[in-house]
Amino acid sequence: MRDILSDDEIDTLLEREYLVKRFQKTQILIIDEISMLSGDFLDSLHRILKQTKKSDFPFGGMQMVFVGDFFQLPPVASEDFAFSHEVWK
């Protein structure tokens, strides 16, 4: 699993119309086991949602619900916890 997506990779994802439509319709995104995701992954998701929602708000203005215990499981690909990344603020 890769945590960081380049701008070109995000553009390639956004060429998939079904993904864009799904993200545009989504109002609330619930992520369980947030402790397993790195801050870089969260940043990539933030960048994708900003573009699909055409909004400069964090995560494109989508309501995010994070569930998990940071003392239970560390991030899978790195030691960069989601809460330590700028996008978390």
N, C-alpha and C. Protein backbone atom coordinates (compact mmCIF):
# COMPACT_ATOMS: atom_id res chain seq x y z
N MET A 1 0.85 -1.18 0.00
CA MET A 1 0.00 0.00 0.00
C MET A 1 0.89 1.24 0.00
N ARG A 2 0.63 2.14 -0.94
CA ARG A 2 1.38 3.39 -1.00
C ARG A 2 0.61 4.47 -0.27
N ASP A 3 1.35 5.33 0.41
CA ASP A 3 0.72 6.41 1.17
C ASP A 3 0.66 7.72 0.40
N ILE A 4 1.65 7.95 -0.44
CA ILE A 4 1.76 9.23 -1.12
C ILE A 4 1.42 9.07 -2.60
N LEU A 5 0.52 9.91 -3.09
CA LEU A 5 0.18 9.93 -4.51
C LEU A 5 0.69 11.24 -5.11
N SER A 6 1.32 11.14 -6.27
CA SER A 6 1.78 12.34 -6.96
C SER A 6 0.58 13.05 -7.58
N ASP A 7 0.78 14.28 -8.00
CA ASP A 7 -0.28 15.03 -8.67
C ASP A 7 -0.73 14.31 -9.95
N ASP A 8 0.23 13.72 -10.67
CA ASP A 8 -0.12 12.98 -11.89
C ASP A 8 -0.98 11.75 -11.57
N GLU A 9 -0.66 11.07 -10.49
CA GLU A 9 -1.45 9.89 -10.11
C GLU A 9 -2.86 10.30 -9.68
N ILE A 10 -2.97 11.42 -9.00
CA ILE A 10 -4.29 11.91 -8.61
C ILE A 10 -5.08 12.31 -9.85
N ASP A 11 -4.43 12.96 -10.81
CA ASP A 11 -5.10 13.32 -12.06
C ASP A 11 -5.60 12.07 -12.78
N THR A 12 -4.81 11.01 -12.78
CA THR A 12 -5.21 9.75 -13.41
C THR A 12 -6.44 9.17 -12.72
N LEU A 13 -6.46 9.21 -11.39
CA LEU A 13 -7.64 8.74 -10.66
C LEU A 13 -8.88 9.56 -11.00
N LEU A 14 -8.69 10.85 -11.13
CA LEU A 14 -9.83 11.74 -11.37
C LEU A 14 -10.35 11.66 -12.80
N GLU A 15 -9.64 10.95 -13.65
CA GLU A 15 -10.14 10.69 -15.01
C GLU A 15 -11.22 9.61 -14.99
N ARG A 16 -11.32 8.90 -13.91
CA ARG A 16 -12.33 7.85 -13.76
C ARG A 16 -13.63 8.49 -13.27
N GLU A 17 -14.54 8.69 -14.19
CA GLU A 17 -15.76 9.43 -13.92
C GLU A 17 -16.58 8.84 -12.77
N TYR A 18 -16.61 7.52 -12.69
CA TYR A 18 -17.40 6.88 -11.63
C TYR A 18 -16.84 7.21 -10.24
N LEU A 19 -15.52 7.36 -10.13
CA LEU A 19 -14.93 7.74 -8.84
C LEU A 19 -15.29 9.18 -8.48
N VAL A 20 -15.18 10.06 -9.46
CA VAL A 20 -15.49 11.47 -9.21
C VAL A 20 -16.95 11.62 -8.79
N LYS A 21 -17.86 10.96 -9.50
CA LYS A 21 -19.28 11.05 -9.14
C LYS A 21 -19.54 10.51 -7.74
N ARG A 22 -18.88 9.42 -7.40
CA ARG A 22 -19.08 8.83 -6.07
C ARG A 22 -18.58 9.78 -4.98
N PHE A 23 -17.41 10.37 -5.20
CA PHE A 23 -16.89 11.32 -4.21
C PHE A 23 -17.75 12.57 -4.12
N GLN A 24 -18.25 13.05 -5.26
CA GLN A 24 -19.08 14.25 -5.25
C GLN A 24 -20.39 14.03 -4.49
N LYS A 25 -20.94 12.83 -4.55
CA LYS A 25 -22.19 12.53 -3.86
C LYS A 25 -22.00 12.25 -2.37
N THR A 26 -20.80 11.88 -1.99
CA THR A 26 -20.54 11.50 -0.59
C THR A 26 -20.52 12.73 0.30
N GLN A 27 -21.28 12.68 1.38
CA GLN A 27 -21.32 13.80 2.32
C GLN A 27 -20.51 13.52 3.58
N ILE A 28 -20.50 12.26 4.01
CA ILE A 28 -19.79 11.87 5.22
C ILE A 28 -18.93 10.64 4.89
N LEU A 29 -17.66 10.70 5.27
CA LEU A 29 -16.77 9.57 5.07
C LEU A 29 -16.30 9.08 6.44
N ILE A 30 -16.58 7.83 6.75
CA ILE A 30 -16.18 7.24 8.02
C ILE A 30 -14.98 6.34 7.77
N ILE A 31 -13.91 6.58 8.49
CA ILE A 31 -12.71 5.76 8.39
C ILE A 31 -12.49 5.08 9.73
N ASP A 32 -12.58 3.75 9.72
CA ASP A 32 -12.33 2.97 10.93
C ASP A 32 -10.85 2.59 10.97
N GLU A 33 -10.34 2.38 12.17
CA GLU A 33 -8.93 2.04 12.38
C GLU A 33 -8.01 3.12 11.81
N ILE A 34 -8.33 4.37 12.12
CA ILE A 34 -7.55 5.51 11.63
C ILE A 34 -6.08 5.41 12.03
N SER A 35 -5.81 4.72 13.12
CA SER A 35 -4.41 4.61 13.58
C SER A 35 -3.53 3.87 12.58
N MET A 36 -4.13 3.08 11.69
CA MET A 36 -3.36 2.31 10.72
C MET A 36 -3.01 3.12 9.47
N LEU A 37 -3.58 4.31 9.35
CA LEU A 37 -3.30 5.16 8.18
C LEU A 37 -2.27 6.22 8.54
N SER A 38 -1.35 6.45 7.65
CA SER A 38 -0.33 7.46 7.89
C SER A 38 -0.85 8.86 7.57
N GLY A 39 -0.13 9.86 8.04
CA GLY A 39 -0.47 11.23 7.71
C GLY A 39 -0.35 11.51 6.22
N ASP A 40 0.61 10.85 5.56
CA ASP A 40 0.77 11.04 4.12
C ASP A 40 -0.44 10.50 3.35
N PHE A 41 -0.97 9.35 3.79
CA PHE A 41 -2.17 8.81 3.16
C PHE A 41 -3.34 9.77 3.33
N LEU A 42 -3.48 10.30 4.55
CA LEU A 42 -4.55 11.25 4.83
C LEU A 42 -4.40 12.50 3.96
N ASP A 43 -3.18 12.95 3.75
CA ASP A 43 -2.93 14.11 2.90
C ASP A 43 -3.32 13.81 1.46
N SER A 44 -3.01 12.62 0.96
CA SER A 44 -3.40 12.25 -0.41
C SER A 44 -4.91 12.24 -0.54
N LEU A 45 -5.60 11.70 0.45
CA LEU A 45 -7.07 11.69 0.43
C LEU A 45 -7.61 13.12 0.44
N HIS A 46 -7.02 13.97 1.25
CA HIS A 46 -7.40 15.39 1.33
C HIS A 46 -7.28 16.06 -0.04
N ARG A 47 -6.18 15.81 -0.74
CA ARG A 47 -5.95 16.41 -2.06
C ARG A 47 -6.96 15.90 -3.08
N ILE A 48 -7.27 14.61 -3.04
CA ILE A 48 -8.26 14.04 -3.97
C ILE A 48 -9.64 14.66 -3.73
N LEU A 49 -10.05 14.74 -2.47
CA LEU A 49 -11.38 15.26 -2.15
C LEU A 49 -11.50 16.74 -2.46
N LYS A 50 -10.44 17.51 -2.25
CA LYS A 50 -10.48 18.93 -2.61
C LYS A 50 -10.75 19.11 -4.09
N GLN A 51 -10.13 18.26 -4.91
CA GLN A 51 -10.31 18.39 -6.36
C GLN A 51 -11.68 17.89 -6.79
N THR A 52 -12.15 16.77 -6.24
CA THR A 52 -13.44 16.24 -6.69
C THR A 52 -14.59 17.11 -6.20
N LYS A 53 -14.45 17.69 -5.03
CA LYS A 53 -15.51 18.55 -4.49
C LYS A 53 -15.37 20.00 -4.96
N LYS A 54 -14.24 20.29 -5.62
CA LYS A 54 -13.96 21.65 -6.11
C LYS A 54 -14.09 22.67 -4.97
N SER A 55 -13.40 22.37 -3.88
CA SER A 55 -13.47 23.19 -2.67
C SER A 55 -12.10 23.26 -2.02
N ASP A 56 -11.77 24.41 -1.47
CA ASP A 56 -10.50 24.57 -0.77
C ASP A 56 -10.60 24.22 0.72
N PHE A 57 -11.80 23.84 1.16
CA PHE A 57 -11.96 23.43 2.55
C PHE A 57 -11.21 22.12 2.78
N PRO A 58 -10.82 21.83 4.03
CA PRO A 58 -10.19 20.55 4.32
C PRO A 58 -11.06 19.39 3.83
N PHE A 59 -10.44 18.45 3.16
CA PHE A 59 -11.13 17.28 2.59
C PHE A 59 -12.30 17.69 1.70
N GLY A 60 -12.15 18.83 1.05
CA GLY A 60 -13.16 19.30 0.12
C GLY A 60 -14.47 19.67 0.78
N GLY A 61 -14.44 19.86 2.09
CA GLY A 61 -15.66 20.19 2.83
C GLY A 61 -16.46 18.96 3.25
N MET A 62 -15.97 17.77 2.91
CA MET A 62 -16.67 16.54 3.31
C MET A 62 -16.49 16.32 4.81
N GLN A 63 -17.55 15.92 5.48
CA GLN A 63 -17.45 15.61 6.90
C GLN A 63 -16.71 14.30 7.06
N MET A 64 -15.67 14.33 7.88
CA MET A 64 -14.85 13.14 8.11
C MET A 64 -15.08 12.64 9.53
N VAL A 65 -15.27 11.33 9.67
CA VAL A 65 -15.42 10.71 10.98
C VAL A 65 -14.30 9.68 11.10
N PHE A 66 -13.39 9.92 12.03
CA PHE A 66 -12.27 9.01 12.25
C PHE A 66 -12.52 8.21 13.52
N VAL A 67 -12.38 6.90 13.41
CA VAL A 67 -12.61 6.01 14.54
C VAL A 67 -11.37 5.14 14.71
N GLY A 68 -10.94 4.96 15.93
CA GLY A 68 -9.81 4.07 16.17
C GLY A 68 -9.07 4.45 17.43
N ASP A 69 -8.11 3.62 17.78
CA ASP A 69 -7.34 3.77 19.00
C ASP A 69 -5.86 3.84 18.61
N PHE A 70 -5.25 5.01 18.79
CA PHE A 70 -3.86 5.19 18.39
C PHE A 70 -2.89 4.37 19.25
N PHE A 71 -3.35 3.86 20.38
CA PHE A 71 -2.50 3.01 21.21
C PHE A 71 -2.61 1.54 20.83
N GLN A 72 -3.51 1.22 19.91
CA GLN A 72 -3.75 -0.18 19.55
C GLN A 72 -2.89 -0.63 18.37
N LEU A 73 -3.00 0.05 17.23
CA LEU A 73 -2.30 -0.39 16.02
C LEU A 73 -1.56 0.79 15.39
N PRO A 74 -0.29 0.62 15.01
CA PRO A 74 0.45 1.69 14.35
C PRO A 74 0.13 1.73 12.87
N PRO A 75 0.54 2.80 12.17
CA PRO A 75 0.34 2.86 10.72
C PRO A 75 1.02 1.68 10.03
N VAL A 76 0.41 1.20 8.97
CA VAL A 76 0.91 0.01 8.28
C VAL A 76 2.24 0.29 7.57
N ALA A 77 2.34 1.38 6.84
CA ALA A 77 3.49 1.60 5.97
C ALA A 77 4.59 2.48 6.58
N SER A 78 4.30 3.17 7.67
CA SER A 78 5.30 4.08 8.23
C SER A 78 4.99 4.32 9.70
N GLU A 79 5.80 5.17 10.31
CA GLU A 79 5.56 5.57 11.70
C GLU A 79 4.98 6.97 11.76
N ASP A 80 4.48 7.46 10.64
CA ASP A 80 3.90 8.79 10.52
C ASP A 80 2.41 8.71 10.87
N PHE A 81 2.08 8.87 12.14
CA PHE A 81 0.69 8.79 12.57
C PHE A 81 -0.14 9.90 11.93
N ALA A 82 -1.39 9.60 11.64
CA ALA A 82 -2.28 10.56 10.99
C ALA A 82 -2.38 11.87 11.78
N PHE A 83 -2.43 11.78 13.09
CA PHE A 83 -2.61 12.99 13.91
C PHE A 83 -1.37 13.88 13.91
N SER A 84 -0.23 13.37 13.47
CA SER A 84 0.98 14.18 13.45
C SER A 84 1.15 14.96 12.15
N HIS A 85 0.25 14.76 11.21
CA HIS A 85 0.35 15.43 9.90
C HIS A 85 -0.42 16.75 9.92
N GLU A 86 0.03 17.69 9.12
CA GLU A 86 -0.58 19.02 9.05
C GLU A 86 -2.07 18.97 8.71
N VAL A 87 -2.46 18.05 7.83
CA VAL A 87 -3.85 17.98 7.39
C VAL A 87 -4.80 17.62 8.55
N TRP A 88 -4.30 16.97 9.57
CA TRP A 88 -5.12 16.60 10.73
C TRP A 88 -5.64 17.85 11.45
N LYS A 89 -4.81 18.88 11.48
CA LYS A 89 -5.19 20.12 12.18
C LYS A 89 -6.35 20.78 11.50
